[in-house]
Amino acid sequence: RRIGHPVTWIGRLIGALDRGMNREDQPPDARRRAGMVALFVLLAV
């Protein structure tokens, strides 16, 4: 209740990457590449 949980912290980062990089106006190939970059950022952080 006071600080959350490490998984919720990870989830907030994933949510931010999803909102910022998953653009619905892009074709599937571009969104797949964006997802790969987002995953790399997540794992790097």
ModelCIF file with pLDDT and N, C-alpha, C, O atoms, coordinates in Angstrom:
data_MODEL
#
_entry.id   MODEL 
#
_entity.id                         1 
_entity.type                       polymer 
_entity.pdbx_number_of_molecules   1 
#
_entity_poly.entity_id                      1 
_entity_poly.type                           'polypeptide(L)' 
_entity_poly.nstd_linkage                   no 
_entity_poly.nstd_monomer                   no 
_entity_poly.pdbx_seq_one_letter_code       RRIGHPVTWIGRLIGALDRGMNREDQPPDARRRAGMVALFVLLAV 
_entity_poly.pdbx_seq_one_letter_code_can   RRIGHPVTWIGRLIGALDRGMNREDQPPDARRRAGMVALFVLLAV 
_entity_poly.pdbx_strand_id                 A 
#
loop_
_entity_poly_seq.entity_id 
_entity_poly_seq.num 
_entity_poly_seq.mon_id 
_entity_poly_seq.hetero 
1 1  ARG n 
1 2  ARG n 
1 3  ILE n 
1 4  GLY n 
1 5  HIS n 
1 6  PRO n 
1 7  VAL n 
1 8  THR n 
1 9  TRP n 
1 10 ILE n 
1 11 GLY n 
1 12 ARG n 
1 13 LEU n 
1 14 ILE n 
1 15 GLY n 
1 16 ALA n 
1 17 LEU n 
1 18 ASP n 
1 19 ARG n 
1 20 GLY n 
1 21 MET n 
1 22 ASN n 
1 23 ARG n 
1 24 GLU n 
1 25 ASP n 
1 26 GLN n 
1 27 PRO n 
1 28 PRO n 
1 29 ASP n 
1 30 ALA n 
1 31 ARG n 
1 32 ARG n 
1 33 ARG n 
1 34 ALA n 
1 35 GLY n 
1 36 MET n 
1 37 VAL n 
1 38 ALA n 
1 39 LEU n 
1 40 PHE n 
1 41 VAL n 
1 42 LEU n 
1 43 LEU n 
1 44 ALA n 
1 45 VAL n 
#
_struct_asym.id          A 
_struct_asym.entity_id   1 
#
loop_
_ma_qa_metric.id 
_ma_qa_metric.mode 
_ma_qa_metric.name 
_ma_qa_metric.software_group_id 
_ma_qa_metric.type 
1 global pLDDT . pLDDT 
2 local  pLDDT . pLDDT 
#
_ma_qa_metric_global.metric_id      1 
_ma_qa_metric_global.metric_value   96.24 
_ma_qa_metric_global.model_id       1 
_ma_qa_metric_global.ordinal_id     1 
#
loop_
_ma_qa_metric_local.label_asym_id 
_ma_qa_metric_local.label_comp_id 
_ma_qa_metric_local.label_seq_id 
_ma_qa_metric_local.metric_id 
_ma_qa_metric_local.metric_value 
_ma_qa_metric_local.model_id 
_ma_qa_metric_local.ordinal_id 
A ARG 1  2 89.00 1 1  
A ARG 2  2 92.00 1 2  
A ILE 3  2 91.00 1 3  
A GLY 4  2 92.00 1 4  
A HIS 5  2 94.00 1 5  
A PRO 6  2 95.00 1 6  
A VAL 7  2 96.00 1 7  
A THR 8  2 95.00 1 8  
A TRP 9  2 96.00 1 9  
A ILE 10 2 97.00 1 10 
A GLY 11 2 97.00 1 11 
A ARG 12 2 97.00 1 12 
A LEU 13 2 98.00 1 13 
A ILE 14 2 98.00 1 14 
A GLY 15 2 97.00 1 15 
A ALA 16 2 98.00 1 16 
A LEU 17 2 98.00 1 17 
A ASP 18 2 97.00 1 18 
A ARG 19 2 97.00 1 19 
A GLY 20 2 96.00 1 20 
A MET 21 2 97.00 1 21 
A ASN 22 2 97.00 1 22 
A ARG 23 2 95.00 1 23 
A GLU 24 2 92.00 1 24 
A ASP 25 2 92.00 1 25 
A GLN 26 2 95.00 1 26 
A PRO 27 2 96.00 1 27 
A PRO 28 2 95.00 1 28 
A ASP 29 2 97.00 1 29 
A ALA 30 2 97.00 1 30 
A ARG 31 2 97.00 1 31 
A ARG 32 2 97.00 1 32 
A ARG 33 2 98.00 1 33 
A ALA 34 2 98.00 1 34 
A GLY 35 2 98.00 1 35 
A MET 36 2 98.00 1 36 
A VAL 37 2 98.00 1 37 
A ALA 38 2 98.00 1 38 
A LEU 39 2 98.00 1 39 
A PHE 40 2 98.00 1 40 
A VAL 41 2 98.00 1 41 
A LEU 42 2 98.00 1 42 
A LEU 43 2 98.00 1 43 
A ALA 44 2 98.00 1 44 
A VAL 45 2 98.00 1 45 
#
loop_
_atom_site.group_PDB 
_atom_site.id 
_atom_site.type_symbol 
_atom_site.label_atom_id 
_atom_site.label_alt_id 
_atom_site.label_comp_id 
_atom_site.label_asym_id 
_atom_site.label_entity_id 
_atom_site.label_seq_id 
_atom_site.pdbx_PDB_ins_code 
_atom_site.Cartn_x 
_atom_site.Cartn_y 
_atom_site.Cartn_z 
_atom_site.occupancy 
_atom_site.B_iso_or_equiv 
_atom_site.pdbx_formal_charge 
_atom_site.auth_seq_id 
_atom_site.auth_comp_id 
_atom_site.auth_asym_id 
_atom_site.auth_atom_id 
_atom_site.pdbx_PDB_model_num 
ATOM 1   N N  . ARG A 1 1  ? 0.822  -1.215 0.000   1.00 89.00 ? 1  ARG A N  1 
ATOM 2   C CA . ARG A 1 1  ? 0.000  0.000  0.000   1.00 89.00 ? 1  ARG A CA 1 
ATOM 3   C C  . ARG A 1 1  ? 0.854  1.262  0.000   1.00 89.00 ? 1  ARG A C  1 
ATOM 4   O O  . ARG A 1 1  ? 0.470  2.281  -0.574  1.00 89.00 ? 1  ARG A O  1 
ATOM 5   N N  . ARG A 1 2  ? 2.015  1.187  0.648   1.00 92.00 ? 2  ARG A N  1 
ATOM 6   C CA . ARG A 1 2  ? 2.850  2.389  0.746   1.00 92.00 ? 2  ARG A CA 1 
ATOM 7   C C  . ARG A 1 2  ? 3.686  2.627  -0.506  1.00 92.00 ? 2  ARG A C  1 
ATOM 8   O O  . ARG A 1 2  ? 3.777  3.760  -0.980  1.00 92.00 ? 2  ARG A O  1 
ATOM 9   N N  . ILE A 1 3  ? 4.293  1.585  -1.042  1.00 91.00 ? 3  ILE A N  1 
ATOM 10  C CA . ILE A 1 3  ? 5.231  1.811  -2.155  1.00 91.00 ? 3  ILE A CA 1 
ATOM 11  C C  . ILE A 1 3  ? 4.932  0.977  -3.399  1.00 91.00 ? 3  ILE A C  1 
ATOM 12  O O  . ILE A 1 3  ? 5.637  1.087  -4.402  1.00 91.00 ? 3  ILE A O  1 
ATOM 13  N N  . GLY A 1 4  ? 3.883  0.137  -3.342  1.00 92.00 ? 4  GLY A N  1 
ATOM 14  C CA . GLY A 1 4  ? 3.612  -0.722 -4.480  1.00 92.00 ? 4  GLY A CA 1 
ATOM 15  C C  . GLY A 1 4  ? 4.478  -1.963 -4.442  1.00 92.00 ? 4  GLY A C  1 
ATOM 16  O O  . GLY A 1 4  ? 4.917  -2.400 -3.378  1.00 92.00 ? 4  GLY A O  1 
ATOM 17  N N  . HIS A 1 5  ? 4.720  -2.528 -5.617  1.00 94.00 ? 5  HIS A N  1 
ATOM 18  C CA . HIS A 1 5  ? 5.463  -3.782 -5.743  1.00 94.00 ? 5  HIS A CA 1 
ATOM 19  C C  . HIS A 1 5  ? 6.379  -3.667 -6.952  1.00 94.00 ? 5  HIS A C  1 
ATOM 20  O O  . HIS A 1 5  ? 6.042  -2.967 -7.907  1.00 94.00 ? 5  HIS A O  1 
ATOM 21  N N  . PRO A 1 6  ? 7.536  -4.341 -6.935  1.00 95.00 ? 6  PRO A N  1 
ATOM 22  C CA . PRO A 1 6  ? 8.424  -4.251 -8.101  1.00 95.00 ? 6  PRO A CA 1 
ATOM 23  C C  . PRO A 1 6  ? 7.743  -4.569 -9.431  1.00 95.00 ? 6  PRO A C  1 
ATOM 24  O O  . PRO A 1 6  ? 8.070  -3.955 -10.447 1.00 95.00 ? 6  PRO A O  1 
ATOM 25  N N  . VAL A 1 7  ? 6.813  -5.506 -9.444  1.00 96.00 ? 7  VAL A N  1 
ATOM 26  C CA . VAL A 1 7  ? 6.119  -5.825 -10.698 1.00 96.00 ? 7  VAL A CA 1 
ATOM 27  C C  . VAL A 1 7  ? 5.239  -4.663 -11.137 1.00 96.00 ? 7  VAL A C  1 
ATOM 28  O O  . VAL A 1 7  ? 5.115  -4.403 -12.334 1.00 96.00 ? 7  VAL A O  1 
ATOM 29  N N  . THR A 1 8  ? 4.625  -3.958 -10.186 1.00 95.00 ? 8  THR A N  1 
ATOM 30  C CA . THR A 1 8  ? 3.821  -2.788 -10.576 1.00 95.00 ? 8  THR A CA 1 
ATOM 31  C C  . THR A 1 8  ? 4.721  -1.675 -11.109 1.00 95.00 ? 8  THR A C  1 
ATOM 32  O O  . THR A 1 8  ? 4.311  -0.923 -11.994 1.00 95.00 ? 8  THR A O  1 
ATOM 33  N N  . TRP A 1 9  ? 5.937  -1.558 -10.584 1.00 96.00 ? 9  TRP A N  1 
ATOM 34  C CA . TRP A 1 9  ? 6.868  -0.557 -11.128 1.00 96.00 ? 9  TRP A CA 1 
ATOM 35  C C  . TRP A 1 9  ? 7.251  -0.930 -12.562 1.00 96.00 ? 9  TRP A C  1 
ATOM 36  O O  . TRP A 1 9  ? 7.282  -0.077 -13.449 1.00 96.00 ? 9  TRP A O  1 
ATOM 37  N N  . ILE A 1 10 ? 7.539  -2.208 -12.775 1.00 97.00 ? 10 ILE A N  1 
ATOM 38  C CA . ILE A 1 10 ? 7.847  -2.668 -14.131 1.00 97.00 ? 10 ILE A CA 1 
ATOM 39  C C  . ILE A 1 10 ? 6.644  -2.430 -15.043 1.00 97.00 ? 10 ILE A C  1 
ATOM 40  O O  . ILE A 1 10 ? 6.795  -2.008 -16.190 1.00 97.00 ? 10 ILE A O  1 
ATOM 41  N N  . GLY A 1 11 ? 5.459  -2.702 -14.524 1.00 97.00 ? 11 GLY A N  1 
ATOM 42  C CA . GLY A 1 11 ? 4.248  -2.510 -15.308 1.00 97.00 ? 11 GLY A CA 1 
ATOM 43  C C  . GLY A 1 11 ? 4.032  -1.068 -15.727 1.00 97.00 ? 11 GLY A C  1 
ATOM 44  O O  . GLY A 1 11 ? 3.540  -0.805 -16.825 1.00 97.00 ? 11 GLY A O  1 
ATOM 45  N N  . ARG A 1 12 ? 4.396  -0.132 -14.863 1.00 97.00 ? 12 ARG A N  1 
ATOM 46  C CA . ARG A 1 12 ? 4.249  1.285  -15.235 1.00 97.00 ? 12 ARG A CA 1 
ATOM 47  C C  . ARG A 1 12 ? 5.190  1.638  -16.385 1.00 97.00 ? 12 ARG A C  1 
ATOM 48  O O  . ARG A 1 12 ? 4.824  2.408  -17.273 1.00 97.00 ? 12 ARG A O  1 
ATOM 49  N N  . LEU A 1 13 ? 6.392  1.084  -16.371 1.00 98.00 ? 13 LEU A N  1 
ATOM 50  C CA . LEU A 1 13 ? 7.323  1.339  -17.475 1.00 98.00 ? 13 LEU A CA 1 
ATOM 51  C C  . LEU A 1 13 ? 6.789  0.734  -18.768 1.00 98.00 ? 13 LEU A C  1 
ATOM 52  O O  . LEU A 1 13 ? 6.862  1.366  -19.822 1.00 98.00 ? 13 LEU A O  1 
ATOM 53  N N  . ILE A 1 14 ? 6.254  -0.479 -18.698 1.00 98.00 ? 14 ILE A N  1 
ATOM 54  C CA . ILE A 1 14 ? 5.681  -1.109 -19.892 1.00 98.00 ? 14 ILE A CA 1 
ATOM 55  C C  . ILE A 1 14 ? 4.509  -0.294 -20.414 1.00 98.00 ? 14 ILE A C  1 
ATOM 56  O O  . ILE A 1 14 ? 4.376  -0.089 -21.620 1.00 98.00 ? 14 ILE A O  1 
ATOM 57  N N  . GLY A 1 15 ? 3.662  0.169  -19.505 1.00 97.00 ? 15 GLY A N  1 
ATOM 58  C CA . GLY A 1 15 ? 2.530  0.986  -19.921 1.00 97.00 ? 15 GLY A CA 1 
ATOM 59  C C  . GLY A 1 15 ? 2.969  2.267  -20.617 1.00 97.00 ? 15 GLY A C  1 
ATOM 60  O O  . GLY A 1 15 ? 2.371  2.675  -21.613 1.00 97.00 ? 15 GLY A O  1 
ATOM 61  N N  . ALA A 1 16 ? 4.010  2.898  -20.095 1.00 98.00 ? 16 ALA A N  1 
ATOM 62  C CA . ALA A 1 16 ? 4.512  4.128  -20.720 1.00 98.00 ? 16 ALA A CA 1 
ATOM 63  C C  . ALA A 1 16 ? 5.077  3.839  -22.108 1.00 98.00 ? 16 ALA A C  1 
ATOM 64  O O  . ALA A 1 16 ? 4.854  4.610  -23.041 1.00 98.00 ? 16 ALA A O  1 
ATOM 65  N N  . LEU A 1 17 ? 5.804  2.735  -22.248 1.00 98.00 ? 17 LEU A N  1 
ATOM 66  C CA . LEU A 1 17 ? 6.340  2.370  -23.555 1.00 98.00 ? 17 LEU A CA 1 
ATOM 67  C C  . LEU A 1 17 ? 5.220  2.044  -24.534 1.00 98.00 ? 17 LEU A C  1 
ATOM 68  O O  . LEU A 1 17 ? 5.302  2.390  -25.712 1.00 98.00 ? 17 LEU A O  1 
ATOM 69  N N  . ASP A 1 18 ? 4.193  1.391  -24.059 1.00 97.00 ? 18 ASP A N  1 
ATOM 70  C CA . ASP A 1 18 ? 3.054  1.050  -24.915 1.00 97.00 ? 18 ASP A CA 1 
ATOM 71  C C  . ASP A 1 18 ? 2.346  2.314  -25.404 1.00 97.00 ? 18 ASP A C  1 
ATOM 72  O O  . ASP A 1 18 ? 2.024  2.447  -26.584 1.00 97.00 ? 18 ASP A O  1 
ATOM 73  N N  . ARG A 1 19 ? 2.113  3.234  -24.473 1.00 97.00 ? 19 ARG A N  1 
ATOM 74  C CA . ARG A 1 19 ? 1.431  4.476  -24.859 1.00 97.00 ? 19 ARG A CA 1 
ATOM 75  C C  . ARG A 1 19 ? 2.275  5.314  -25.801 1.00 97.00 ? 19 ARG A C  1 
ATOM 76  O O  . ARG A 1 19 ? 1.753  5.939  -26.724 1.00 97.00 ? 19 ARG A O  1 
ATOM 77  N N  . GLY A 1 20 ? 3.575  5.326  -25.568 1.00 96.00 ? 20 GLY A N  1 
ATOM 78  C CA . GLY A 1 20 ? 4.429  6.216  -26.344 1.00 96.00 ? 20 GLY A CA 1 
ATOM 79  C C  . GLY A 1 20 ? 4.880  5.653  -27.676 1.00 96.00 ? 20 GLY A C  1 
ATOM 80  O O  . GLY A 1 20 ? 5.160  6.419  -28.598 1.00 96.00 ? 20 GLY A O  1 
ATOM 81  N N  . MET A 1 21 ? 4.960  4.318  -27.808 1.00 97.00 ? 21 MET A N  1 
ATOM 82  C CA . MET A 1 21 ? 5.554  3.741  -29.001 1.00 97.00 ? 21 MET A CA 1 
ATOM 83  C C  . MET A 1 21 ? 4.596  2.907  -29.854 1.00 97.00 ? 21 MET A C  1 
ATOM 84  O O  . MET A 1 21 ? 4.894  2.624  -31.014 1.00 97.00 ? 21 MET A O  1 
ATOM 85  N N  . ASN A 1 22 ? 3.472  2.520  -29.305 1.00 97.00 ? 22 ASN A N  1 
ATOM 86  C CA . ASN A 1 22 ? 2.523  1.669  -30.022 1.00 97.00 ? 22 ASN A CA 1 
ATOM 87  C C  . ASN A 1 22 ? 1.492  2.547  -30.723 1.00 97.00 ? 22 ASN A C  1 
ATOM 88  O O  . ASN A 1 22 ? 0.414  2.805  -30.189 1.00 97.00 ? 22 ASN A O  1 
ATOM 89  N N  . ARG A 1 23 ? 1.833  2.994  -31.906 1.00 95.00 ? 23 ARG A N  1 
ATOM 90  C CA . ARG A 1 23 ? 0.986  3.945  -32.649 1.00 95.00 ? 23 ARG A CA 1 
ATOM 91  C C  . ARG A 1 23 ? 0.051  3.184  -33.581 1.00 95.00 ? 23 ARG A C  1 
ATOM 92  O O  . ARG A 1 23 ? 0.498  2.445  -34.458 1.00 95.00 ? 23 ARG A O  1 
ATOM 93  N N  . GLU A 1 24 ? -1.234 3.370  -33.385 1.00 92.00 ? 24 GLU A N  1 
ATOM 94  C CA . GLU A 1 24 ? -2.225 2.624  -34.147 1.00 92.00 ? 24 GLU A CA 1 
ATOM 95  C C  . GLU A 1 24 ? -2.313 3.067  -35.604 1.00 92.00 ? 24 GLU A C  1 
ATOM 96  O O  . GLU A 1 24 ? -2.918 2.370  -36.419 1.00 92.00 ? 24 GLU A O  1 
ATOM 97  N N  . ASP A 1 25 ? -1.722 4.214  -35.949 1.00 92.00 ? 25 ASP A N  1 
ATOM 98  C CA . ASP A 1 25 ? -1.743 4.658  -37.347 1.00 92.00 ? 25 ASP A CA 1 
ATOM 99  C C  . ASP A 1 25 ? -0.587 4.051  -38.154 1.00 92.00 ? 25 ASP A C  1 
ATOM 100 O O  . ASP A 1 25 ? -0.463 4.314  -39.350 1.00 92.00 ? 25 ASP A O  1 
ATOM 101 N N  . GLN A 1 26 ? 0.254  3.244  -37.505 1.00 95.00 ? 26 GLN A N  1 
ATOM 102 C CA . GLN A 1 26 ? 1.391  2.626  -38.189 1.00 95.00 ? 26 GLN A CA 1 
ATOM 103 C C  . GLN A 1 26 ? 1.014  1.222  -38.688 1.00 95.00 ? 26 GLN A C  1 
ATOM 104 O O  . GLN A 1 26 ? 0.158  0.568  -38.093 1.00 95.00 ? 26 GLN A O  1 
ATOM 105 N N  . PRO A 1 27 ? 1.646  0.757  -39.776 1.00 96.00 ? 27 PRO A N  1 
ATOM 106 C CA . PRO A 1 27 ? 1.378  -0.595 -40.271 1.00 96.00 ? 27 PRO A CA 1 
ATOM 107 C C  . PRO A 1 27 ? 1.940  -1.648 -39.318 1.00 96.00 ? 27 PRO A C  1 
ATOM 108 O O  . PRO A 1 27 ? 2.788  -1.339 -38.481 1.00 96.00 ? 27 PRO A O  1 
ATOM 109 N N  . PRO A 1 28 ? 1.468  -2.896 -39.444 1.00 95.00 ? 28 PRO A N  1 
ATOM 110 C CA . PRO A 1 28 ? 1.896  -3.953 -38.499 1.00 95.00 ? 28 PRO A CA 1 
ATOM 111 C C  . PRO A 1 28 ? 3.407  -4.135 -38.419 1.00 95.00 ? 28 PRO A C  1 
ATOM 112 O O  . PRO A 1 28 ? 3.936  -4.333 -37.326 1.00 95.00 ? 28 PRO A O  1 
ATOM 113 N N  . ASP A 1 29 ? 4.127  -4.073 -39.562 1.00 97.00 ? 29 ASP A N  1 
ATOM 114 C CA . ASP A 1 29 ? 5.577  -4.276 -39.513 1.00 97.00 ? 29 ASP A CA 1 
ATOM 115 C C  . ASP A 1 29 ? 6.264  -3.203 -38.683 1.00 97.00 ? 29 ASP A C  1 
ATOM 116 O O  . ASP A 1 29 ? 7.189  -3.497 -37.926 1.00 97.00 ? 29 ASP A O  1 
ATOM 117 N N  . ALA A 1 30 ? 5.816  -1.964 -38.823 1.00 97.00 ? 30 ALA A N  1 
ATOM 118 C CA . ALA A 1 30 ? 6.401  -0.872 -38.051 1.00 97.00 ? 30 ALA A CA 1 
ATOM 119 C C  . ALA A 1 30 ? 6.077  -1.032 -36.567 1.00 97.00 ? 30 ALA A C  1 
ATOM 120 O O  . ALA A 1 30 ? 6.916  -0.744 -35.715 1.00 97.00 ? 30 ALA A O  1 
ATOM 121 N N  . ARG A 1 31 ? 4.878  -1.485 -36.259 1.00 97.00 ? 31 ARG A N  1 
ATOM 122 C CA . ARG A 1 31 ? 4.502  -1.667 -34.853 1.00 97.00 ? 31 ARG A CA 1 
ATOM 123 C C  . ARG A 1 31 ? 5.262  -2.846 -34.240 1.00 97.00 ? 31 ARG A C  1 
ATOM 124 O O  . ARG A 1 31 ? 5.588  -2.834 -33.053 1.00 97.00 ? 31 ARG A O  1 
ATOM 125 N N  . ARG A 1 32 ? 5.536  -3.857 -35.054 1.00 97.00 ? 32 ARG A N  1 
ATOM 126 C CA . ARG A 1 32 ? 6.334  -4.982 -34.545 1.00 97.00 ? 32 ARG A CA 1 
ATOM 127 C C  . ARG A 1 32 ? 7.751  -4.518 -34.223 1.00 97.00 ? 32 ARG A C  1 
ATOM 128 O O  . ARG A 1 32 ? 8.305  -4.890 -33.188 1.00 97.00 ? 32 ARG A O  1 
ATOM 129 N N  . ARG A 1 33 ? 8.342  -3.708 -35.105 1.00 98.00 ? 33 ARG A N  1 
ATOM 130 C CA . ARG A 1 33 ? 9.692  -3.180 -34.833 1.00 98.00 ? 33 ARG A CA 1 
ATOM 131 C C  . ARG A 1 33 ? 9.685  -2.285 -33.606 1.00 98.00 ? 33 ARG A C  1 
ATOM 132 O O  . ARG A 1 33 ? 10.615 -2.319 -32.801 1.00 98.00 ? 33 ARG A O  1 
ATOM 133 N N  . ALA A 1 34 ? 8.634  -1.485 -33.464 1.00 98.00 ? 34 ALA A N  1 
ATOM 134 C CA . ALA A 1 34 ? 8.526  -0.620 -32.278 1.00 98.00 ? 34 ALA A CA 1 
ATOM 135 C C  . ALA A 1 34 ? 8.434  -1.462 -31.009 1.00 98.00 ? 34 ALA A C  1 
ATOM 136 O O  . ALA A 1 34 ? 9.008  -1.104 -29.981 1.00 98.00 ? 34 ALA A O  1 
ATOM 137 N N  . GLY A 1 35 ? 7.713  -2.577 -31.080 1.00 98.00 ? 35 GLY A N  1 
ATOM 138 C CA . GLY A 1 35 ? 7.614  -3.468 -29.920 1.00 98.00 ? 35 GLY A CA 1 
ATOM 139 C C  . GLY A 1 35 ? 8.940  -4.081 -29.561 1.00 98.00 ? 35 GLY A C  1 
ATOM 140 O O  . GLY A 1 35 ? 9.239  -4.264 -28.381 1.00 98.00 ? 35 GLY A O  1 
ATOM 141 N N  . MET A 1 36 ? 9.748  -4.405 -30.562 1.00 98.00 ? 36 MET A N  1 
ATOM 142 C CA . MET A 1 36 ? 11.075 -4.956 -30.299 1.00 98.00 ? 36 MET A CA 1 
ATOM 143 C C  . MET A 1 36 ? 11.964 -3.914 -29.625 1.00 98.00 ? 36 MET A C  1 
ATOM 144 O O  . MET A 1 36 ? 12.710 -4.235 -28.700 1.00 98.00 ? 36 MET A O  1 
ATOM 145 N N  . VAL A 1 37 ? 11.884 -2.669 -30.089 1.00 98.00 ? 37 VAL A N  1 
ATOM 146 C CA . VAL A 1 37 ? 12.668 -1.600 -29.466 1.00 98.00 ? 37 VAL A CA 1 
ATOM 147 C C  . VAL A 1 37 ? 12.196 -1.372 -28.039 1.00 98.00 ? 37 VAL A C  1 
ATOM 148 O O  . VAL A 1 37 ? 13.007 -1.202 -27.128 1.00 98.00 ? 37 VAL A O  1 
ATOM 149 N N  . ALA A 1 38 ? 10.865 -1.370 -27.845 1.00 98.00 ? 38 ALA A N  1 
ATOM 150 C CA . ALA A 1 38 ? 10.320 -1.169 -26.497 1.00 98.00 ? 38 ALA A CA 1 
ATOM 151 C C  . ALA A 1 38 ? 10.782 -2.274 -25.557 1.00 98.00 ? 38 ALA A C  1 
ATOM 152 O O  . ALA A 1 38 ? 11.120 -2.006 -24.404 1.00 98.00 ? 38 ALA A O  1 
ATOM 153 N N  . LEU A 1 39 ? 10.800 -3.508 -26.039 1.00 98.00 ? 39 LEU A N  1 
ATOM 154 C CA . LEU A 1 39 ? 11.258 -4.618 -25.209 1.00 98.00 ? 39 LEU A CA 1 
ATOM 155 C C  . LEU A 1 39 ? 12.733 -4.460 -24.862 1.00 98.00 ? 39 LEU A C  1 
ATOM 156 O O  . LEU A 1 39 ? 13.136 -4.726 -23.730 1.00 98.00 ? 39 LEU A O  1 
ATOM 157 N N  . PHE A 1 40 ? 13.539 -4.029 -25.826 1.00 98.00 ? 40 PHE A N  1 
ATOM 158 C CA . PHE A 1 40 ? 14.955 -3.799 -25.557 1.00 98.00 ? 40 PHE A CA 1 
ATOM 159 C C  . PHE A 1 40 ? 15.130 -2.724 -24.485 1.00 98.00 ? 40 PHE A C  1 
ATOM 160 O O  . PHE A 1 40 ? 15.943 -2.881 -23.574 1.00 98.00 ? 40 PHE A O  1 
ATOM 161 N N  . VAL A 1 41 ? 14.369 -1.631 -24.592 1.00 98.00 ? 41 VAL A N  1 
ATOM 162 C CA . VAL A 1 41 ? 14.454 -0.558 -23.595 1.00 98.00 ? 41 VAL A CA 1 
ATOM 163 C C  . VAL A 1 41 ? 14.067 -1.091 -22.219 1.00 98.00 ? 41 VAL A C  1 
ATOM 164 O O  . VAL A 1 41 ? 14.741 -0.814 -21.227 1.00 98.00 ? 41 VAL A O  1 
ATOM 165 N N  . LEU A 1 42 ? 12.980 -1.855 -22.164 1.00 98.00 ? 42 LEU A N  1 
ATOM 166 C CA . LEU A 1 42 ? 12.522 -2.428 -20.894 1.00 98.00 ? 42 LEU A CA 1 
ATOM 167 C C  . LEU A 1 42 ? 13.607 -3.282 -20.253 1.00 98.00 ? 42 LEU A C  1 
ATOM 168 O O  . LEU A 1 42 ? 13.886 -3.149 -19.062 1.00 98.00 ? 42 LEU A O  1 
ATOM 169 N N  . LEU A 1 43 ? 14.217 -4.155 -21.042 1.00 98.00 ? 43 LEU A N  1 
ATOM 170 C CA . LEU A 1 43 ? 15.227 -5.056 -20.496 1.00 98.00 ? 43 LEU A CA 1 
ATOM 171 C C  . LEU A 1 43 ? 16.508 -4.311 -20.125 1.00 98.00 ? 43 LEU A C  1 
ATOM 172 O O  . LEU A 1 43 ? 17.170 -4.652 -19.144 1.00 98.00 ? 43 LEU A O  1 
ATOM 173 N N  . ALA A 1 44 ? 16.850 -3.298 -20.911 1.00 98.00 ? 44 ALA A N  1 
ATOM 174 C CA . ALA A 1 44 ? 18.046 -2.517 -20.599 1.00 98.00 ? 44 ALA A CA 1 
ATOM 175 C C  . ALA A 1 44 ? 17.878 -1.774 -19.272 1.00 98.00 ? 44 ALA A C  1 
ATOM 176 O O  . ALA A 1 44 ? 18.800 -1.724 -18.457 1.00 98.00 ? 44 ALA A O  1 
ATOM 177 N N  . VAL A 1 45 ? 16.699 -1.200 -19.068 1.00 98.00 ? 45 VAL A N  1 
ATOM 178 C CA . VAL A 1 45 ? 16.452 -0.426 -17.838 1.00 98.00 ? 45 VAL A CA 1 
ATOM 179 C C  . VAL A 1 45 ? 16.384 -1.351 -16.629 1.00 98.00 ? 45 VAL A C  1 
ATOM 180 O O  . VAL A 1 45 ? 16.184 -0.886 -15.507 1.00 98.00 ? 45 VAL A O  1 
#
